[in-house]
Every structure is written in structure tokens, then in C-alpha cells.
C-alpha atoms as a PDB file:
ATOM      1  CA  UNK A   1      97.389 125.057  95.915  1.00  0.00           C
ATOM      2  CA  UNK A   2     100.479 126.803  94.430  1.00  0.00           C
ATOM      3  CA  UNK A   3     101.419 125.804  90.874  1.00  0.00           C
ATOM      4  CA  UNK A   4     104.665 123.961  91.669  1.00  0.00           C
ATOM      5  CA  UNK A   5     103.168 121.626  94.307  1.00  0.00           C
ATOM      6  CA  UNK A   6     100.197 121.053  92.005  1.00  0.00           C
ATOM      7  CA  UNK A   7     102.659 119.668  89.448  1.00  0.00           C
ATOM      8  CA  UNK A   8     105.029 117.949  91.872  1.00  0.00           C
ATOM      9  CA  UNK A   9     102.353 116.007  93.769  1.00  0.00           C
ATOM     10  CA  UNK A  10     101.148 113.904  90.804  1.00  0.00           C
ATOM     11  CA  UNK A  11     104.744 113.695  89.549  1.00  0.00           C
ATOM     12  CA  UNK A  12     105.822 112.127  92.847  1.00  0.00           C
ATOM     13  CA  UNK A  13     102.878 109.712  92.721  1.00  0.00           C
ATOM     14  CA  UNK A  14     103.826 108.758  89.166  1.00  0.00           C
ATOM     15  CA  UNK A  15     107.436 108.104  90.209  1.00  0.00           C
ATOM     16  CA  UNK A  16     106.523 106.037  93.259  1.00  0.00           C
ATOM     17  CA  UNK A  17     103.864 104.196  91.266  1.00  0.00           C
ATOM     18  CA  UNK A  18     106.537 103.300  88.703  1.00  0.00           C
ATOM     19  CA  UNK A  19     108.756 101.792  91.414  1.00  0.00           C
ATOM     20  CA  UNK A  20     106.561  98.682  91.426  1.00  0.00           C
ATOM     21  CA  UNK A  21     107.233  98.246  87.698  1.00  0.00           C
ATOM     22  CA  UNK A  22     111.002  98.291  88.247  1.00  0.00           C
ATOM     23  CA  UNK A  23     110.695  95.863  91.165  1.00  0.00           C
ATOM     24  CA  UNK A  24     108.670  93.519  88.974  1.00  0.00           C
ATOM     25  CA  UNK A  25     111.393  93.623  86.294  1.00  0.00           C
ATOM     26  CA  UNK A  26     114.552  93.487  88.401  1.00  0.00           C
ATOM     27  CA  UNK A  27     113.667  91.442  91.459  1.00  0.00           C
ATOM     28  CA  UNK A  28     113.340  88.059  89.666  1.00  0.00           C
ATOM     29  CA  UNK A  29     116.830  88.341  88.141  1.00  0.00           C
ATOM     30  CA  UNK A  30     118.744  89.794  91.088  1.00  0.00           C
ATOM     31  CA  UNK A  31     116.701  88.120  93.796  1.00  0.00           C
ATOM     32  CA  UNK A  32     114.763  90.280  96.296  1.00  0.00           C
ATOM     33  CA  UNK A  33     117.582  90.780  98.818  1.00  0.00           C
ATOM     34  CA  UNK A  34     120.381  91.668  96.385  1.00  0.00           C
ATOM     35  CA  UNK A  35     118.032  93.827  94.302  1.00  0.00           C
ATOM     36  CA  UNK A  36     116.980  95.890  97.289  1.00  0.00           C
ATOM     37  CA  UNK A  37     120.542  96.070  98.606  1.00  0.00           C
ATOM     38  CA  UNK A  38     121.562  97.557  95.266  1.00  0.00           C
ATOM     39  CA  UNK A  39     118.593  99.933  95.399  1.00  0.00           C
ATOM     40  CA  UNK A  40     119.566 101.309  98.809  1.00  0.00           C
ATOM     41  CA  UNK A  41     123.234 101.477  97.782  1.00  0.00           C
ATOM     42  CA  UNK A  42     122.425 103.522  94.679  1.00  0.00           C
ATOM     43  CA  UNK A  43     120.096 105.758  96.700  1.00  0.00           C
ATOM     44  CA  UNK A  44     122.796 106.267  99.349  1.00  0.00           C
ATOM     45  CA  UNK A  45     125.396 107.218  96.733  1.00  0.00           C
ATOM     46  CA  UNK A  46     122.896 109.718  95.337  1.00  0.00           C
ATOM     47  CA  UNK A  47     121.857 111.238  98.680  1.00  0.00           C
ATOM     48  CA  UNK A  48     125.237 111.420 100.465  1.00  0.00           C
ATOM     49  CA  UNK A  49     126.619 114.204  98.221  1.00  0.00           C
ATOM     50  CA  UNK A  50     123.400 116.155  98.810  1.00  0.00           C
ATOM     51  CA  UNK A  51     124.051 115.925 102.557  1.00  0.00           C
ATOM     52  CA  UNK A  52     127.399 117.627 102.124  1.00  0.00           C
ATOM     53  CA  UNK A  53     126.110 120.153  99.597  1.00  0.00           C
ATOM     54  CA  UNK A  54     123.392 121.218 102.059  1.00  0.00           C
ATOM     55  CA  UNK A  55     125.795 120.866 105.028  1.00  0.00           C
ATOM     56  CA  UNK A  56     123.490 118.438 106.828  1.00  0.00           C
ATOM     57  CA  UNK A  57     126.030 115.677 107.451  1.00  0.00           C
ATOM     58  CA  UNK A  58     126.692 116.724 111.058  1.00  0.00           C
ATOM     59  CA  UNK A  59     122.985 116.352 111.898  1.00  0.00           C
ATOM     60  CA  UNK A  60     123.373 112.558 112.000  1.00  0.00           C
ATOM     61  CA  UNK A  61     125.874 112.592 114.859  1.00  0.00           C
ATOM     62  CA  UNK A  62     124.492 110.925 117.961  1.00  0.00           C
ATOM     63  CA  UNK A  63     121.421 109.525 116.193  1.00  0.00           C
ATOM     64  CA  UNK A  64     122.825 106.559 114.298  1.00  0.00           C
ATOM     65  CA  UNK A  65     121.282 103.955 116.629  1.00  0.00           C
ATOM     66  CA  UNK A  66     117.775 105.334 116.177  1.00  0.00           C
ATOM     67  CA  UNK A  67     118.351 105.942 112.455  1.00  0.00           C
ATOM     68  CA  UNK A  68     119.426 102.315 112.065  1.00  0.00           C
ATOM     69  CA  UNK A  69     116.076 101.248 113.527  1.00  0.00           C
ATOM     70  CA  UNK A  70     114.264 103.520 111.067  1.00  0.00           C
ATOM     71  CA  UNK A  71     116.425 102.233 108.228  1.00  0.00           C
ATOM     72  CA  UNK A  72     115.462  98.679 109.146  1.00  0.00           C
ATOM     73  CA  UNK A  73     111.725  99.304 109.572  1.00  0.00           C
ATOM     74  CA  UNK A  74     111.231 101.917 106.864  1.00  0.00           C
ATOM     75  CA  UNK A  75     113.594 100.580 104.222  1.00  0.00           C
ATOM     76  CA  UNK A  76     115.406  97.258 104.593  1.00  0.00           C
ATOM     77  CA  UNK A  77     112.589  94.986 105.807  1.00  0.00           C
ATOM     78  CA  UNK A  78     109.710  96.410 103.717  1.00  0.00           C
ATOM     79  CA  UNK A  79     111.862  96.704 100.582  1.00  0.00           C
ATOM     80  CA  UNK A  80     112.767  92.998 100.732  1.00  0.00           C
ATOM     81  CA  UNK A  81     109.143  92.063 101.427  1.00  0.00           C
ATOM     82  CA  UNK A  82     108.026  94.114  98.419  1.00  0.00           C
ATOM     83  CA  UNK A  83     110.734  92.568  96.249  1.00  0.00           C
ATOM     84  CA  UNK A  84     109.679  89.054  97.229  1.00  0.00           C
ATOM     85  CA  UNK A  85     105.954  89.775  96.806  1.00  0.00           C
ATOM     86  CA  UNK A  86     106.410  91.163  93.285  1.00  0.00           C
ATOM     87  CA  UNK A  87     107.693  87.752  92.217  1.00  0.00           C
ATOM     88  CA  UNK A  88     104.044  86.655  92.467  1.00  0.00           C
ATOM     89  CA  UNK A  89     101.754  89.693  92.589  1.00  0.00           C
ATOM     90  CA  UNK A  90     101.189  92.191  89.797  1.00  0.00           C
ATOM     91  CA  UNK A  91     102.742  95.633  90.065  1.00  0.00           C
ATOM     92  CA  UNK A  92      99.257  97.180  90.195  1.00  0.00           C
ATOM     93  CA  UNK A  93      98.022  95.026  93.062  1.00  0.00           C
ATOM     94  CA  UNK A  94     101.258  95.589  94.986  1.00  0.00           C
ATOM     95  CA  UNK A  95     100.844  99.362  94.616  1.00  0.00           C
ATOM     96  CA  UNK A  96      97.254  99.177  95.864  1.00  0.00           C
ATOM     97  CA  UNK A  97      98.183  97.035  98.872  1.00  0.00           C
ATOM     98  CA  UNK A  98     100.925  99.525  99.700  1.00  0.00           C
ATOM     99  CA  UNK A  99      98.154 102.115 100.006  1.00  0.00           C
ATOM    100  CA  UNK A 100      97.100 100.545 103.324  1.00  0.00           C
ATOM    101  CA  UNK A 101     100.147 102.117 105.015  1.00  0.00           C
ATOM    102  CA  UNK A 102      98.253 105.110 106.528  1.00  0.00           C
ATOM    103  CA  UNK A 103      95.741 102.709 108.109  1.00  0.00           C
ATOM    104  CA  UNK A 104      98.509 100.804 109.828  1.00  0.00           C
ATOM    105  CA  UNK A 105     100.073 104.099 110.881  1.00  0.00           C
ATOM    106  CA  UNK A 106      96.817 105.133 112.562  1.00  0.00           C
ATOM    107  CA  UNK A 107      96.479 101.776 114.331  1.00  0.00           C
ATOM    108  CA  UNK A 108     100.076 101.869 115.583  1.00  0.00           C
ATOM    109  CA  UNK A 109      99.583 105.440 116.819  1.00  0.00           C
ATOM    110  CA  UNK A 110      96.437 104.334 118.678  1.00  0.00           C
ATOM    111  CA  UNK A 111      97.983 101.343 120.437  1.00  0.00           C
ATOM    112  CA  UNK A 112     101.482 102.772 120.948  1.00  0.00           C
ATOM    113  CA  UNK A 113     101.209 106.554 121.204  1.00  0.00           C
ATOM    114  CA  UNK A 114      97.716 106.500 122.741  1.00  0.00           C
ATOM    115  CA  UNK A 115      96.353 108.708 119.955  1.00  0.00           C
ATOM    116  CA  UNK A 116      92.589 108.960 119.667  1.00  0.00           C
ATOM    117  CA  UNK A 117      90.799 106.992 116.983  1.00  0.00           C
ATOM    118  CA  UNK A 118      87.517 108.385 115.683  1.00  0.00           C
ATOM    119  CA  UNK A 119      84.602 106.231 114.648  1.00  0.00           C
ATOM    120  CA  UNK A 120      85.301 107.345 111.076  1.00  0.00           C
ATOM    121  CA  UNK A 121      88.819 105.977 111.394  1.00  0.00           C
ATOM    122  CA  UNK A 122      87.602 102.671 112.854  1.00  0.00           C
ATOM    123  CA  UNK A 123      85.122 102.314 109.997  1.00  0.00           C
ATOM    124  CA  UNK A 124      87.902 103.217 107.560  1.00  0.00           C
ATOM    125  CA  UNK A 125      90.172 100.464 108.888  1.00  0.00           C
ATOM    126  CA  UNK A 126      87.373  97.896 108.524  1.00  0.00           C
ATOM    127  CA  UNK A 127      86.520  99.053 104.995  1.00  0.00           C
ATOM    128  CA  UNK A 128      90.191  99.124 104.021  1.00  0.00           C
ATOM    129  CA  UNK A 129      90.861  95.552 105.099  1.00  0.00           C
ATOM    130  CA  UNK A 130      87.646  94.447 103.423  1.00  0.00           C
ATOM    131  CA  UNK A 131      89.019  96.067 100.284  1.00  0.00           C
ATOM    132  CA  UNK A 132      92.182  93.953 100.578  1.00  0.00           C
ATOM    133  CA  UNK A 133      90.010  90.835 100.580  1.00  0.00           C
ATOM    134  CA  UNK A 134      88.065  91.903  97.489  1.00  0.00           C
ATOM    135  CA  UNK A 135      91.259  92.995  95.728  1.00  0.00           C
ATOM    136  CA  UNK A 136      92.585  89.441  95.925  1.00  0.00           C
ATOM    137  CA  UNK A 137      89.166  87.727  95.777  1.00  0.00           C
ATOM    138  CA  UNK A 138      89.274  86.513  92.188  1.00  0.00           C
ATOM    139  CA  UNK A 139      92.747  85.052  92.663  1.00  0.00           C
ATOM    140  CA  UNK A 140      91.906  83.264  95.919  1.00  0.00           C
ATOM    141  CA  UNK A 141      88.577  82.018  94.564  1.00  0.00           C
ATOM    142  CA  UNK A 142      90.452  80.435  91.640  1.00  0.00           C
ATOM    143  CA  UNK A 143      92.435  78.411  94.187  1.00  0.00           C
ATOM    144  CA  UNK A 144      95.563  80.472  93.568  1.00  0.00           C
ATOM    145  CA  UNK A 145      96.409  80.222  97.243  1.00  0.00           C
ATOM    146  CA  UNK A 146     100.034  81.095  96.516  1.00  0.00           C
ATOM    147  CA  UNK A 147      99.005  84.779  96.499  1.00  0.00           C
ATOM    148  CA  UNK A 148      98.097  84.716 100.191  1.00  0.00           C
ATOM    149  CA  UNK A 149     101.646  84.829 101.586  1.00  0.00           C
ATOM    150  CA  UNK A 150     102.819  87.605  99.201  1.00  0.00           C
ATOM    151  CA  UNK A 151      99.720  89.611 100.133  1.00  0.00           C
ATOM    152  CA  UNK A 152     100.498  89.162 103.836  1.00  0.00           C
ATOM    153  CA  UNK A 153     104.098  90.182 103.100  1.00  0.00           C
ATOM    154  CA  UNK A 154     102.911  93.511 101.668  1.00  0.00           C
ATOM    155  CA  UNK A 155     100.647  94.026 104.668  1.00  0.00           C
ATOM    156  CA  UNK A 156     103.614  93.345 106.965  1.00  0.00           C
ATOM    157  CA  UNK A 157     105.664  95.867 104.982  1.00  0.00           C
ATOM    158  CA  UNK A 158     102.880  98.436 105.412  1.00  0.00           C
ATOM    159  CA  UNK A 159     102.860  97.695 109.147  1.00  0.00           C
ATOM    160  CA  UNK A 160     106.621  98.295 109.247  1.00  0.00           C
ATOM    161  CA  UNK A 161     106.065 101.662 107.569  1.00  0.00           C
ATOM    162  CA  UNK A 162     103.400 102.492 110.158  1.00  0.00           C
ATOM    163  CA  UNK A 163     105.695 101.593 113.066  1.00  0.00           C
ATOM    164  CA  UNK A 164     108.593 103.514 111.532  1.00  0.00           C
ATOM    165  CA  UNK A 165     106.508 106.653 110.991  1.00  0.00           C
ATOM    166  CA  UNK A 166     105.450 106.710 114.624  1.00  0.00           C
ATOM    167  CA  UNK A 167     108.953 105.879 115.859  1.00  0.00           C
ATOM    168  CA  UNK A 168     110.304 108.761 113.796  1.00  0.00           C
ATOM    169  CA  UNK A 169     107.664 111.058 115.240  1.00  0.00           C
ATOM    170  CA  UNK A 170     108.677 110.093 118.775  1.00  0.00           C
ATOM    171  CA  UNK A 171     112.462 110.079 118.544  1.00  0.00           C
ATOM    172  CA  UNK A 172     113.649 111.782 115.339  1.00  0.00           C
ATOM    173  CA  UNK A 173     111.186 114.602 114.772  1.00  0.00           C
ATOM    174  CA  UNK A 174     113.845 117.333 114.929  1.00  0.00           C
ATOM    175  CA  UNK A 175     116.177 115.874 112.319  1.00  0.00           C
ATOM    176  CA  UNK A 176     116.392 117.244 108.787  1.00  0.00           C
ATOM    177  CA  UNK A 177     114.293 115.066 106.441  1.00  0.00           C
ATOM    178  CA  UNK A 178     117.176 114.866 103.964  1.00  0.00           C
ATOM    179  CA  UNK A 179     119.578 113.725 106.685  1.00  0.00           C
ATOM    180  CA  UNK A 180     117.071 111.159 107.914  1.00  0.00           C
ATOM    181  CA  UNK A 181     116.473 109.876 104.389  1.00  0.00           C
ATOM    182  CA  UNK A 182     120.184 109.524 103.663  1.00  0.00           C
ATOM    183  CA  UNK A 183     120.882 107.985 107.059  1.00  0.00           C
ATOM    184  CA  UNK A 184     118.093 105.438 106.682  1.00  0.00           C
ATOM    185  CA  UNK A 185     119.303 104.427 103.209  1.00  0.00           C
ATOM    186  CA  UNK A 186     122.869 104.051 104.464  1.00  0.00           C
ATOM    187  CA  UNK A 187     121.676 101.968 107.426  1.00  0.00           C
ATOM    188  CA  UNK A 188     119.589  99.746 105.158  1.00  0.00           C
ATOM    189  CA  UNK A 189     122.569  99.239 102.858  1.00  0.00           C
ATOM    190  CA  UNK A 190     124.782  98.230 105.795  1.00  0.00           C
ATOM    191  CA  UNK A 191     122.109  95.719 106.805  1.00  0.00           C
ATOM    192  CA  UNK A 192     121.226  94.322 103.368  1.00  0.00           C
ATOM    193  CA  UNK A 193     124.509  94.305 101.451  1.00  0.00           C
ATOM    194  CA  UNK A 194     126.338  91.684 103.578  1.00  0.00           C
ATOM    195  CA  UNK A 195     123.213  89.482 103.663  1.00  0.00           C
ATOM    196  CA  UNK A 196     122.809  89.742  99.893  1.00  0.00           C
ATOM    197  CA  UNK A 197     126.199  88.063  99.367  1.00  0.00           C
ATOM    198  CA  UNK A 198     124.536  84.783 100.360  1.00  0.00           C
ATOM    199  CA  UNK A 199     121.871  85.210  97.658  1.00  0.00           C
ATOM    200  CA  UNK A 200     123.859  86.009  94.533  1.00  0.00           C
ATOM    201  CA  UNK A 201     122.163  85.112  91.238  1.00  0.00           C
ATOM    202  CA  UNK A 202     123.525  82.213  89.196  1.00  0.00           C
ATOM    203  CA  UNK A 203     123.626  84.314  86.029  1.00  0.00           C
ATOM    204  CA  UNK A 204     124.463  87.959  85.417  1.00  0.00           C
ATOM    205  CA  UNK A 205     121.253  90.065  85.407  1.00  0.00           C
ATOM    206  CA  UNK A 206     120.141  91.505  82.085  1.00  0.00           C
ATOM    207  CA  UNK A 207     120.641  95.120  81.081  1.00  0.00           C
ATOM    208  CA  UNK A 208     116.933  95.819  81.742  1.00  0.00           C
ATOM    209  CA  UNK A 209     117.256  94.511  85.311  1.00  0.00           C
ATOM    210  CA  UNK A 210     120.396  96.601  85.894  1.00  0.00           C
ATOM    211  CA  UNK A 211     118.657  99.649  84.443  1.00  0.00           C
ATOM    212  CA  UNK A 212     115.704  98.958  86.768  1.00  0.00           C
ATOM    213  CA  UNK A 213     117.779  98.945  89.946  1.00  0.00           C
ATOM    214  CA  UNK A 214     119.688 102.108  88.955  1.00  0.00           C
ATOM    215  CA  UNK A 215     116.481 103.945  88.051  1.00  0.00           C
ATOM    216  CA  UNK A 216     114.780 102.685  91.196  1.00  0.00           C
ATOM    217  CA  UNK A 217     117.646 103.917  93.364  1.00  0.00           C
ATOM    218  CA  UNK A 218     118.132 107.336  91.761  1.00  0.00           C
ATOM    219  CA  UNK A 219     114.664 108.346  90.558  1.00  0.00           C
ATOM    220  CA  UNK A 220     112.216 106.366  92.684  1.00  0.00           C
ATOM    221  CA  UNK A 221     114.220 106.793  95.897  1.00  0.00           C
ATOM    222  CA  UNK A 222     116.633 109.732  95.687  1.00  0.00           C
ATOM    223  CA  UNK A 223     114.674 112.162  93.495  1.00  0.00           C
ATOM    224  CA  UNK A 224     111.368 111.043  95.036  1.00  0.00           C
ATOM    225  CA  UNK A 225     112.619 111.926  98.520  1.00  0.00           C
ATOM    226  CA  UNK A 226     113.643 115.391  97.331  1.00  0.00           C
ATOM    227  CA  UNK A 227     110.197 115.985  95.819  1.00  0.00           C
ATOM    228  CA  UNK A 228     108.521 114.707  98.975  1.00  0.00           C
ATOM    229  CA  UNK A 229     110.582 117.051 101.159  1.00  0.00           C
ATOM    230  CA  UNK A 230     109.692 119.978  98.898  1.00  0.00           C
ATOM    231  CA  UNK A 231     105.998 119.121  99.213  1.00  0.00           C
ATOM    232  CA  UNK A 232     106.256 118.904 103.000  1.00  0.00           C
ATOM    233  CA  UNK A 233     107.879 122.348 103.057  1.00  0.00           C
ATOM    234  CA  UNK A 234     105.290 123.831 100.698  1.00  0.00           C
ATOM    235  CA  UNK A 235     102.096 122.136 101.861  1.00  0.00           C
ATOM    236  CA  UNK A 236     102.811 120.586 105.249  1.00  0.00           C
ATOM    237  CA  UNK A 237     102.980 116.843 106.046  1.00  0.00           C
ATOM    238  CA  UNK A 238      99.217 116.239 106.066  1.00  0.00           C
ATOM    239  CA  UNK A 239      98.625 117.466 102.525  1.00  0.00           C
ATOM    240  CA  UNK A 240     101.897 116.025 101.256  1.00  0.00           C
ATOM    241  CA  UNK A 241     100.907 112.529 102.399  1.00  0.00           C
ATOM    242  CA  UNK A 242      97.862 112.755 100.130  1.00  0.00           C
ATOM    243  CA  UNK A 243     100.216 111.421  97.462  1.00  0.00           C
ATOM    244  CA  UNK A 244      99.281 108.032  98.943  1.00  0.00           C
ATOM    245  CA  UNK A 245      95.923 108.178  97.168  1.00  0.00           C
ATOM    246  CA  UNK A 246      97.476 108.630  93.736  1.00  0.00           C
ATOM    247  CA  UNK A 247     100.211 105.972  93.911  1.00  0.00           C
ATOM    248  CA  UNK A 248      97.864 102.955  93.433  1.00  0.00           C
ATOM    249  CA  UNK A 249      96.288 104.631  90.407  1.00  0.00           C
ATOM    250  CA  UNK A 250      99.661 105.131  88.735  1.00  0.00           C
ATOM    251  CA  UNK A 251     100.830 101.663  89.812  1.00  0.00           C
ATOM    252  CA  UNK A 252      97.857 100.071  88.044  1.00  0.00           C
ATOM    253  CA  UNK A 253      98.171 102.289  84.952  1.00  0.00           C
ATOM    254  CA  UNK A 254     101.922 101.690  84.547  1.00  0.00           C
ATOM    255  CA  UNK A 255     101.368  97.952  85.021  1.00  0.00           C
ATOM    256  CA  UNK A 256      98.802  97.909  82.217  1.00  0.00           C
ATOM    257  CA  UNK A 257     100.922 100.044  79.861  1.00  0.00           C
ATOM    258  CA  UNK A 258     104.391  98.569  80.389  1.00  0.00           C
ATOM    259  CA  UNK A 259     103.784  95.044  81.700  1.00  0.00           C
ATOM    260  CA  UNK A 260     100.519  94.233  79.896  1.00  0.00           C
ATOM    261  CA  UNK A 261      98.852  93.501  83.230  1.00  0.00           C
ATOM    262  CA  UNK A 262      95.101  93.030  83.251  1.00  0.00           C
ATOM    263  CA  UNK A 263      92.658  94.654  85.619  1.00  0.00           C
ATOM    264  CA  UNK A 264      89.508  92.906  86.850  1.00  0.00           C
ATOM    265  CA  UNK A 265      86.309  94.276  88.338  1.00  0.00           C
ATOM    266  CA  UNK A 266      87.418  92.855  91.674  1.00  0.00           C
ATOM    267  CA  UNK A 267      90.649  94.850  91.427  1.00  0.00           C
ATOM    268  CA  UNK A 268      88.741  98.083  90.819  1.00  0.00           C
ATOM    269  CA  UNK A 269      86.247  97.330  93.596  1.00  0.00           C
ATOM    270  CA  UNK A 270      88.921  96.322  96.098  1.00  0.00           C
ATOM    271  CA  UNK A 271      91.135  99.308  95.258  1.00  0.00           C
ATOM    272  CA  UNK A 272      88.164 101.667  95.681  1.00  0.00           C
ATOM    273  CA  UNK A 273      87.369 100.236  99.115  1.00  0.00           C
ATOM    274  CA  UNK A 274      91.017 100.499 100.193  1.00  0.00           C
ATOM    275  CA  UNK A 275      91.263 104.134  99.121  1.00  0.00           C
ATOM    276  CA  UNK A 276      87.953 104.915 100.843  1.00  0.00           C
ATOM    277  CA  UNK A 277      89.202 103.191 103.990  1.00  0.00           C
ATOM    278  CA  UNK A 278      92.457 105.161 103.944  1.00  0.00           C
ATOM    279  CA  UNK A 279      90.546 108.425 103.390  1.00  0.00           C
ATOM    280  CA  UNK A 280      88.341 107.709 106.424  1.00  0.00           C
ATOM    281  CA  UNK A 281      91.259 106.558 108.573  1.00  0.00           C
ATOM    282  CA  UNK A 282      93.391 109.627 107.856  1.00  0.00           C
ATOM    283  CA  UNK A 283      90.501 112.097 108.206  1.00  0.00           C
ATOM    284  CA  UNK A 284      90.340 113.191 104.569  1.00  0.00           C
ATOM    285  CA  UNK A 285      86.715 112.043 104.721  1.00  0.00           C
ATOM    286  CA  UNK A 286      84.903 112.485 108.029  1.00  0.00           C
ATOM    287  CA  UNK A 287      81.517 111.211 109.100  1.00  0.00           C
ATOM    288  CA  UNK A 288      79.246 113.690 110.833  1.00  0.00           C
ATOM    289  CA  UNK A 289      79.090 113.389 114.624  1.00  0.00           C
ATOM    290  CA  UNK A 290      82.126 111.114 114.584  1.00  0.00           C
ATOM    291  CA  UNK A 291      83.230 110.492 118.156  1.00  0.00           C
ATOM    292  CA  UNK A 292      86.823 109.827 119.106  1.00  0.00           C
ATOM    293  CA  UNK A 293      87.900 106.620 120.777  1.00  0.00           C
ATOM    294  CA  UNK A 294      90.740 107.081 123.259  1.00  0.00           C
ATOM    295  CA  UNK A 295      93.064 104.230 124.068  1.00  0.00           C
END
């Protein structure tokens, strides 16, 4: 692997892993909807000038309807679900649950796009969902049933990402990634900002919450997209998506360092199963004589 991608890949994982920290800090004060509306607004204001600098603004013409769908499924809906879930779940657990996204992408591709699904992938899906159970086992076993709905919310967000990825593949494959990123953030802002006016906080958020939403919008969204696009150009989409395996690690580490979160044996065991499941589902790990299942 060339030197720059070798540095940028873990850097991107570290940035995206940190996003769960900022959500944990800012979402309680702003409220999930307003916080994510501000995140997409900041990201849009950061990405729009880049569109004009790179002369990609005209690429969006004629695609706004489809981009609005992507903005809803890939940004607005999952962002709000993540923001709400972090009110209850730790940043580390949220990051790990987010790692199930490639599994949902494979399942959506199988049922919708009629892609084949190998026996390795089927086993990976089963192991991955088993990992979700063990990840939350100690909390559920302690009768903390309030974690169930936030966990399902993250899974729904991951499903939205899976649907959006396949929708993009079908209908928006020829559009510049930067244009698509900016367009989706703008669409999400148009959707979330008016709705957020009905959920304004009773008190002005603290400086740390304001700093969180600005950092989340610029660094964890705008800069992260640029790094991701560079990795796609340098390594191709398959290798670039391997960043998924590092995000949960950084999410857990940042949670321990900055939020004093604790990590249990169940967390480690569940996270390991999820990562193994994702590796099998995406083909990073393949079983010998694995047959494909066609839909």
C-alpha cells in the first residue's frame, strides 16, 4: 500500500470513530434533531465552496430528486437515529453497532439487486448479529431493557446506510463523489432544519456542545469525506471500505480516554464477533469451497 493511503486510512477511522464522542457530548444539549440539522448545515457550508473550486456544481443538475433520497437514507434518518441512541448507549458501543453496515448492505444487495450471497457471507451475517446480542448482553441481563430500542435504532440506521449504498450504485454511480456528498448534505439540511425548529432546546447549549457540532460538521463530515474520496481514488472502493473495521476500535478507545467509558468482556467478545461477521460478509475472509447463493 502506498505511504499516503497507509496514513490516511487509520486517520479516517480515527476521525469517524471520534464522531460518536461528539454526538455523545452535543446531542443531549441540542436534542438529536437540531444537533444533526446543525451538523449537516455545517458540513454543507464546508462542502459547497469545494464544489465550486473543483467546478463540480453543474454535476448535480437533473439529479436532485435521487440525491434527496440518498440524503434522507444516508444522512438525515441515520444521523437522527444515531443522535437519539447516543443519549442512552456509550460512544464505543454505538461505534461497534455501526460496524454492521456492510452486512446490511450485502443483505439489501441480495434481496434487491439479486446479487449472489456466498455461504461465507451467510455465516458472517449470522455471526455478526450474534455479536450484536453479546455486545449488549450484560446490559440486557441486568434488566436495563431501555437499551433495546436505542440498539434497534442503530441497526435501523445501518440498514438505511445499506439501502442508500445500493440505491447509489443503481442510480447515481456516475456522479462525482464530492458532488454527491455535498448534495446529500444539502438535502439532509433541507429536510432536518425545518423539523428541528419544533425541537429547540430550553436553554442555550454549552460551548462544548457548540464546539462538538462544529467539529462534527467540518472534521468528521467534510474533511472525512475528502479523505474517503482520496482513498477510493488511490485504493479503489473495496479496500477503502476496510476503514469500517477500524472505526469501532477507535470509537471504543476514544470513549475510554475522553468519556471515561468502561469496557466489559462482553463488549470485547461481541465486538470481535461483529467484526468477524463483517469480514465474512464482505469477503475479506473467505471459507474454502464457499458456494454462492443466488436470489
